[in-house]
Amino acid sequence: MNILIIGACGYLGRALTLKLHTKDNTLYLLGRDKNKTYEVFKRILSSFVPFPKILDYKDELPDADIVIKASLPKY
């Protein structure tokens, strides 16, 4: 399953990424800062399954089966 997680570096986004990071899922992570997102996840994800694809806001959005907005609005 192709899953796009918006707000991947936040509290909810990290938990979802770790839970959904399996062999059956292809994850696309979108955070405010592409480099920070990579740094956060390269330390905590195992190398046994494909690493999530980290997107920049300028990238074309993937054809996702599920889109999860894990970020909370700022007031």
PDB file of N, CA and C in Angstrom:
ATOM      1  N   MET A   1       0.839  -1.171   0.000  1.00  0.00           N
ATOM      2  CA  MET A   1       0.000   0.000   0.000  1.00  0.00           C
ATOM      3  C   MET A   1       0.892   1.245   0.000  1.00  0.00           C
ATOM      4  N   ASN A   2       0.539   2.237  -0.776  1.00  0.00           N
ATOM      5  CA  ASN A   2       1.265   3.505  -0.833  1.00  0.00           C
ATOM      6  C   ASN A   2       0.618   4.485   0.140  1.00  0.00           C
ATOM      7  N   ILE A   3       1.421   4.973   1.101  1.00  0.00           N
ATOM      8  CA  ILE A   3       0.902   5.846   2.148  1.00  0.00           C
ATOM      9  C   ILE A   3       1.709   7.138   2.188  1.00  0.00           C
ATOM     10  N   LEU A   4       1.020   8.271   2.085  1.00  0.00           N
ATOM     11  CA  LEU A   4       1.638   9.590   2.206  1.00  0.00           C
ATOM     12  C   LEU A   4       1.353  10.117   3.604  1.00  0.00           C
ATOM     13  N   ILE A   5       2.411  10.435   4.363  1.00  0.00           N
ATOM     14  CA  ILE A   5       2.257  10.983   5.704  1.00  0.00           C
ATOM     15  C   ILE A   5       2.734  12.435   5.685  1.00  0.00           C
ATOM     16  N   ILE A   6       1.793  13.348   5.907  1.00  0.00           N
ATOM     17  CA  ILE A   6       2.104  14.774   5.955  1.00  0.00           C
ATOM     18  C   ILE A   6       2.338  15.145   7.412  1.00  0.00           C
ATOM     19  N   GLY A   7       3.466  15.801   7.681  1.00  0.00           N
ATOM     20  CA  GLY A   7       3.831  16.111   9.060  1.00  0.00           C
ATOM     21  C   GLY A   7       4.579  14.954   9.690  1.00  0.00           C
ATOM     22  N   ALA A   8       5.455  14.347   8.924  1.00  0.00           N
ATOM     23  CA  ALA A   8       6.135  13.112   9.327  1.00  0.00           C
ATOM     24  C   ALA A   8       7.047  13.275  10.538  1.00  0.00           C
ATOM     25  N   CYS A   9       7.611  14.446  10.756  1.00  0.00           N
ATOM     26  CA  CYS A   9       8.563  14.632  11.859  1.00  0.00           C
ATOM     27  C   CYS A   9       7.903  14.944  13.194  1.00  0.00           C
ATOM     28  N   GLY A  10       6.628  15.189  13.173  1.00  0.00           N
ATOM     29  CA  GLY A  10       5.938  15.503  14.424  1.00  0.00           C
ATOM     30  C   GLY A  10       5.710  14.264  15.281  1.00  0.00           C
ATOM     31  N   TYR A  11       5.110  14.489  16.425  1.00  0.00           N
ATOM     32  CA  TYR A  11       4.870  13.424  17.391  1.00  0.00           C
ATOM     33  C   TYR A  11       4.034  12.294  16.776  1.00  0.00           C
ATOM     34  N   LEU A  12       2.912  12.643  16.165  1.00  0.00           N
ATOM     35  CA  LEU A  12       2.052  11.634  15.556  1.00  0.00           C
ATOM     36  C   LEU A  12       2.680  11.032  14.304  1.00  0.00           C
ATOM     37  N   GLY A  13       3.322  11.871  13.504  1.00  0.00           N
ATOM     38  CA  GLY A  13       3.944  11.394  12.269  1.00  0.00           C
ATOM     39  C   GLY A  13       5.032  10.364  12.511  1.00  0.00           C
ATOM     40  N   ARG A  14       5.864  10.583  13.517  1.00  0.00           N
ATOM     41  CA  ARG A  14       6.918   9.617  13.846  1.00  0.00           C
ATOM     42  C   ARG A  14       6.327   8.286  14.274  1.00  0.00           C
ATOM     43  N   ALA A  15       5.323   8.339  15.136  1.00  0.00           N
ATOM     44  CA  ALA A  15       4.704   7.103  15.621  1.00  0.00           C
ATOM     45  C   ALA A  15       4.052   6.339  14.470  1.00  0.00           C
ATOM     46  N   LEU A  16       3.361   7.046  13.599  1.00  0.00           N
ATOM     47  CA  LEU A  16       2.726   6.397  12.449  1.00  0.00           C
ATOM     48  C   LEU A  16       3.755   5.790  11.505  1.00  0.00           C
ATOM     49  N   THR A  17       4.824   6.518  11.256  1.00  0.00           N
ATOM     50  CA  THR A  17       5.860   6.015  10.360  1.00  0.00           C
ATOM     51  C   THR A  17       6.469   4.735  10.904  1.00  0.00           C
ATOM     52  N   LEU A  18       6.787   4.707  12.181  1.00  0.00           N
ATOM     53  CA  LEU A  18       7.363   3.499  12.774  1.00  0.00           C
ATOM     54  C   LEU A  18       6.388   2.330  12.726  1.00  0.00           C
ATOM     55  N   LYS A  19       5.118   2.589  12.935  1.00  0.00           N
ATOM     56  CA  LYS A  19       4.105   1.533  12.931  1.00  0.00           C
ATOM     57  C   LYS A  19       3.840   1.013  11.519  1.00  0.00           C
ATOM     58  N   LEU A  20       3.816   1.905  10.543  1.00  0.00           N
ATOM     59  CA  LEU A  20       3.464   1.529   9.174  1.00  0.00           C
ATOM     60  C   LEU A  20       4.658   1.098   8.331  1.00  0.00           C
ATOM     61  N   HIS A  21       5.854   1.230   8.865  1.00  0.00           N
ATOM     62  CA  HIS A  21       7.073   0.918   8.126  1.00  0.00           C
ATOM     63  C   HIS A  21       7.256  -0.602   8.077  1.00  0.00           C
ATOM     64  N   THR A  22       6.614  -1.221   7.108  1.00  0.00           N
ATOM     65  CA  THR A  22       6.694  -2.670   6.936  1.00  0.00           C
ATOM     66  C   THR A  22       6.998  -2.993   5.489  1.00  0.00           C
ATOM     67  N   LYS A  23       7.188  -4.252   5.229  1.00  0.00           N
ATOM     68  CA  LYS A  23       7.492  -4.678   3.861  1.00  0.00           C
ATOM     69  C   LYS A  23       6.312  -4.477   2.915  1.00  0.00           C
ATOM     70  N   ASP A  24       5.107  -4.443   3.454  1.00  0.00           N
ATOM     71  CA  ASP A  24       3.921  -4.330   2.610  1.00  0.00           C
ATOM     72  C   ASP A  24       3.564  -2.898   2.242  1.00  0.00           C
ATOM     73  N   ASN A  25       4.174  -1.919   2.908  1.00  0.00           N
ATOM     74  CA  ASN A  25       3.831  -0.516   2.682  1.00  0.00           C
ATOM     75  C   ASN A  25       4.996   0.237   2.055  1.00  0.00           C
ATOM     76  N   THR A  26       4.655   1.155   1.157  1.00  0.00           N
ATOM     77  CA  THR A  26       5.619   2.118   0.652  1.00  0.00           C
ATOM     78  C   THR A  26       5.228   3.459   1.250  1.00  0.00           C
ATOM     79  N   LEU A  27       6.131   4.027   2.057  1.00  0.00           N
ATOM     80  CA  LEU A  27       5.832   5.282   2.732  1.00  0.00           C
ATOM     81  C   LEU A  27       6.449   6.461   1.995  1.00  0.00           C
ATOM     82  N   TYR A  28       5.687   7.537   1.913  1.00  0.00           N
ATOM     83  CA  TYR A  28       6.147   8.821   1.400  1.00  0.00           C
ATOM     84  C   TYR A  28       5.985   9.804   2.542  1.00  0.00           C
ATOM     85  N   LEU A  29       7.085  10.408   2.965  1.00  0.00           N
ATOM     86  CA  LEU A  29       7.063  11.312   4.114  1.00  0.00           C
ATOM     87  C   LEU A  29       7.218  12.748   3.652  1.00  0.00           C
ATOM     88  N   LEU A  30       6.392  13.609   4.186  1.00  0.00           N
ATOM     89  CA  LEU A  30       6.452  15.028   3.858  1.00  0.00           C
ATOM     90  C   LEU A  30       6.524  15.803   5.157  1.00  0.00           C
ATOM     91  N   GLY A  31       7.614  16.531   5.335  1.00  0.00           N
ATOM     92  CA  GLY A  31       7.804  17.362   6.519  1.00  0.00           C
ATOM     93  C   GLY A  31       8.168  18.772   6.088  1.00  0.00           C
ATOM     94  N   ARG A  32       8.332  19.655   7.047  1.00  0.00           N
ATOM     95  CA  ARG A  32       8.690  21.045   6.710  1.00  0.00           C
ATOM     96  C   ARG A  32      10.074  21.137   6.088  1.00  0.00           C
ATOM     97  N   ASP A  33      10.993  20.286   6.556  1.00  0.00           N
ATOM     98  CA  ASP A  33      12.376  20.339   6.105  1.00  0.00           C
ATOM     99  C   ASP A  33      12.812  18.933   5.677  1.00  0.00           C
ATOM    100  N   LYS A  34      13.081  18.774   4.393  1.00  0.00           N
ATOM    101  CA  LYS A  34      13.434  17.461   3.845  1.00  0.00           C
ATOM    102  C   LYS A  34      14.669  16.877   4.530  1.00  0.00           C
ATOM    103  N   ASN A  35      15.684  17.690   4.770  1.00  0.00           N
ATOM    104  CA  ASN A  35      16.916  17.201   5.400  1.00  0.00           C
ATOM    105  C   ASN A  35      16.675  16.762   6.841  1.00  0.00           C
ATOM    106  N   LYS A  36      15.882  17.522   7.581  1.00  0.00           N
ATOM    107  CA  LYS A  36      15.575  17.158   8.960  1.00  0.00           C
ATOM    108  C   LYS A  36      14.791  15.847   8.998  1.00  0.00           C
ATOM    109  N   THR A  37      13.848  15.706   8.098  1.00  0.00           N
ATOM    110  CA  THR A  37      13.053  14.478   8.042  1.00  0.00           C
ATOM    111  C   THR A  37      13.952  13.281   7.802  1.00  0.00           C
ATOM    112  N   TYR A  38      14.886  13.414   6.885  1.00  0.00           N
ATOM    113  CA  TYR A  38      15.823  12.322   6.623  1.00  0.00           C
ATOM    114  C   TYR A  38      16.660  12.004   7.861  1.00  0.00           C
ATOM    115  N   GLU A  39      17.186  13.026   8.515  1.00  0.00           N
ATOM    116  CA  GLU A  39      18.026  12.818   9.700  1.00  0.00           C
ATOM    117  C   GLU A  39      17.252  12.130  10.822  1.00  0.00           C
ATOM    118  N   VAL A  40      16.008  12.517  11.018  1.00  0.00           N
ATOM    119  CA  VAL A  40      15.193  11.911  12.076  1.00  0.00           C
ATOM    120  C   VAL A  40      15.005  10.422  11.820  1.00  0.00           C
ATOM    121  N   PHE A  41      14.671  10.073  10.599  1.00  0.00           N
ATOM    122  CA  PHE A  41      14.307   8.689  10.322  1.00  0.00           C
ATOM    123  C   PHE A  41      15.478   7.779  10.000  1.00  0.00           C
ATOM    124  N   LYS A  42      16.596   8.320   9.572  1.00  0.00           N
ATOM    125  CA  LYS A  42      17.720   7.430   9.264  1.00  0.00           C
ATOM    126  C   LYS A  42      18.269   6.778  10.534  1.00  0.00           C
ATOM    127  N   ARG A  43      18.071   7.417  11.687  1.00  0.00           N
ATOM    128  CA  ARG A  43      18.550   6.866  12.954  1.00  0.00           C
ATOM    129  C   ARG A  43      17.599   5.847  13.557  1.00  0.00           C
ATOM    130  N   ILE A  44      16.312   5.932  13.265  1.00  0.00           N
ATOM    131  CA  ILE A  44      15.362   5.092  13.976  1.00  0.00           C
ATOM    132  C   ILE A  44      14.733   3.974  13.155  1.00  0.00           C
ATOM    133  N   LEU A  45      14.936   3.964  11.852  1.00  0.00           N
ATOM    134  CA  LEU A  45      14.346   2.913  11.027  1.00  0.00           C
ATOM    135  C   LEU A  45      15.370   1.842  10.694  1.00  0.00           C
ATOM    136  N   SER A  46      14.923   0.613  10.700  1.00  0.00           N
ATOM    137  CA  SER A  46      15.823  -0.494  10.364  1.00  0.00           C
ATOM    138  C   SER A  46      16.066  -0.523   8.863  1.00  0.00           C
ATOM    139  N   SER A  47      17.091  -1.224   8.461  1.00  0.00           N
ATOM    140  CA  SER A  47      17.434  -1.309   7.040  1.00  0.00           C
ATOM    141  C   SER A  47      16.855  -2.567   6.400  1.00  0.00           C
ATOM    142  N   PHE A  48      16.000  -3.291   7.117  1.00  0.00           N
ATOM    143  CA  PHE A  48      15.457  -4.538   6.577  1.00  0.00           C
ATOM    144  C   PHE A  48      14.329  -4.327   5.584  1.00  0.00           C
ATOM    145  N   VAL A  49      13.722  -3.174   5.596  1.00  0.00           N
ATOM    146  CA  VAL A  49      12.667  -2.859   4.631  1.00  0.00           C
ATOM    147  C   VAL A  49      13.043  -1.560   3.934  1.00  0.00           C
ATOM    148  N   PRO A  50      12.484  -1.302   2.760  1.00  0.00           N
ATOM    149  CA  PRO A  50      12.864  -0.085   2.028  1.00  0.00           C
ATOM    150  C   PRO A  50      12.655   1.182   2.849  1.00  0.00           C
ATOM    151  N   PHE A  51      13.621   2.071   2.756  1.00  0.00           N
ATOM    152  CA  PHE A  51      13.545   3.346   3.471  1.00  0.00           C
ATOM    153  C   PHE A  51      12.426   4.182   2.864  1.00  0.00           C
ATOM    154  N   PRO A  52      11.679   4.920   3.689  1.00  0.00           N
ATOM    155  CA  PRO A  52      10.601   5.767   3.142  1.00  0.00           C
ATOM    156  C   PRO A  52      11.152   6.798   2.166  1.00  0.00           C
ATOM    157  N   LYS A  53      10.331   7.149   1.214  1.00  0.00           N
ATOM    158  CA  LYS A  53      10.695   8.192   0.259  1.00  0.00           C
ATOM    159  C   LYS A  53      10.341   9.536   0.893  1.00  0.00           C
ATOM    160  N   ILE A  54      11.350  10.388   1.024  1.00  0.00           N
ATOM    161  CA  ILE A  54      11.150  11.680   1.678  1.00  0.00           C
ATOM    162  C   ILE A  54      10.970  12.745   0.601  1.00  0.00           C
ATOM    163  N   LEU A  55       9.878  13.458   0.692  1.00  0.00           N
ATOM    164  CA  LEU A  55       9.520  14.439  -0.323  1.00  0.00           C
ATOM    165  C   LEU A  55       9.797  15.859   0.144  1.00  0.00           C
ATOM    166  N   ASP A  56       9.951  16.724  -0.815  1.00  0.00           N
ATOM    167  CA  ASP A  56      10.043  18.154  -0.587  1.00  0.00           C
ATOM    168  C   ASP A  56       8.705  18.743  -1.051  1.00  0.00           C
ATOM    169  N   TYR A  57       8.337  19.892  -0.536  1.00  0.00           N
ATOM    170  CA  TYR A  57       7.059  20.490  -0.929  1.00  0.00           C
ATOM    171  C   TYR A  57       6.984  20.791  -2.420  1.00  0.00           C
ATOM    172  N   LYS A  58       8.120  20.875  -3.073  1.00  0.00           N
ATOM    173  CA  LYS A  58       8.126  21.169  -4.508  1.00  0.00           C
ATOM    174  C   LYS A  58       7.953  19.908  -5.349  1.00  0.00           C
ATOM    175  N   ASP A  59       8.111  18.730  -4.723  1.00  0.00           N
ATOM    176  CA  ASP A  59       7.998  17.472  -5.449  1.00  0.00           C
ATOM    177  C   ASP A  59       6.550  17.193  -5.833  1.00  0.00           C
ATOM    178  N   GLU A  60       6.406  16.413  -6.884  1.00  0.00           N
ATOM    179  CA  GLU A  60       5.072  15.972  -7.283  1.00  0.00           C
ATOM    180  C   GLU A  60       4.582  14.935  -6.276  1.00  0.00           C
ATOM    181  N   LEU A  61       3.345  15.043  -5.876  1.00  0.00           N
ATOM    182  CA  LEU A  61       2.799  14.093  -4.904  1.00  0.00           C
ATOM    183  C   LEU A  61       2.629  12.727  -5.554  1.00  0.00           C
ATOM    184  N   PRO A  62       2.891  11.671  -4.797  1.00  0.00           N
ATOM    185  CA  PRO A  62       2.788  10.323  -5.351  1.00  0.00           C
ATOM    186  C   PRO A  62       1.333   9.878  -5.468  1.00  0.00           C
ATOM    187  N   ASP A  63       1.140   8.814  -6.185  1.00  0.00           N
ATOM    188  CA  ASP A  63      -0.171   8.201  -6.295  1.00  0.00           C
ATOM    189  C   ASP A  63      -0.372   7.347  -5.044  1.00  0.00           C
ATOM    190  N   ALA A  64      -0.957   7.925  -4.012  1.00  0.00           N
ATOM    191  CA  ALA A  64      -1.074   7.260  -2.715  1.00  0.00           C
ATOM    192  C   ALA A  64      -2.453   6.632  -2.543  1.00  0.00           C
ATOM    193  N   ASP A  65      -2.463   5.487  -1.872  1.00  0.00           N
ATOM    194  CA  ASP A  65      -3.722   4.841  -1.521  1.00  0.00           C
ATOM    195  C   ASP A  65      -4.350   5.527  -0.302  1.00  0.00           C
ATOM    196  N   ILE A  66      -3.487   6.007   0.586  1.00  0.00           N
ATOM    197  CA  ILE A  66      -3.937   6.667   1.816  1.00  0.00           C
ATOM    198  C   ILE A  66      -3.104   7.932   2.026  1.00  0.00           C
ATOM    199  N   VAL A  67      -3.748   9.019   2.437  1.00  0.00           N
ATOM    200  CA  VAL A  67      -3.058  10.247   2.822  1.00  0.00           C
ATOM    201  C   VAL A  67      -3.397  10.517   4.277  1.00  0.00           C
ATOM    202  N   ILE A  68      -2.359  10.662   5.106  1.00  0.00           N
ATOM    203  CA  ILE A  68      -2.552  10.927   6.526  1.00  0.00           C
ATOM    204  C   ILE A  68      -1.937  12.282   6.849  1.00  0.00           C
ATOM    205  N   LYS A  69      -2.755  13.183   7.391  1.00  0.00           N
ATOM    206  CA  LYS A  69      -2.237  14.479   7.840  1.00  0.00           C
ATOM    207  C   LYS A  69      -1.997  14.375   9.344  1.00  0.00           C
ATOM    208  N   ALA A  70      -0.733  14.153   9.705  1.00  0.00           N
ATOM    209  CA  ALA A  70      -0.382  13.932  11.096  1.00  0.00           C
ATOM    210  C   ALA A  70       0.012  15.216  11.807  1.00  0.00           C
ATOM    211  N   SER A  71       0.010  16.314  11.101  1.00  0.00           N
ATOM    212  CA  SER A  71       0.390  17.576  11.725  1.00  0.00           C
ATOM    213  C   SER A  71      -0.840  18.286  12.259  1.00  0.00           C
ATOM    214  N   LEU A  72      -0.671  19.002  13.339  1.00  0.00           N
ATOM    215  CA  LEU A  72      -1.758  19.764  13.928  1.00  0.00           C
ATOM    216  C   LEU A  72      -1.699  21.196  13.428  1.00  0.00           C
ATOM    217  N   PRO A  73      -2.833  21.863  13.299  1.00  0.00           N
ATOM    218  CA  PRO A  73      -2.811  23.247  12.838  1.00  0.00           C
ATOM    219  C   PRO A  73      -2.194  24.156  13.900  1.00  0.00           C
ATOM    220  N   LYS A  74      -1.530  25.192  13.424  1.00  0.00           N
ATOM    221  CA  LYS A  74      -0.963  26.199  14.344  1.00  0.00           C
ATOM    222  C   LYS A  74      -1.937  27.353  14.428  1.00  0.00           C
ATOM    223  N   TYR A  75      -2.227  27.763  15.641  1.00  0.00           N
ATOM    224  CA  TYR A  75      -3.178  28.856  15.848  1.00  0.00           C
ATOM    225  C   TYR A  75      -2.463  30.125  16.196  1.00  0.00           C
TER     226      TYR A  75
END
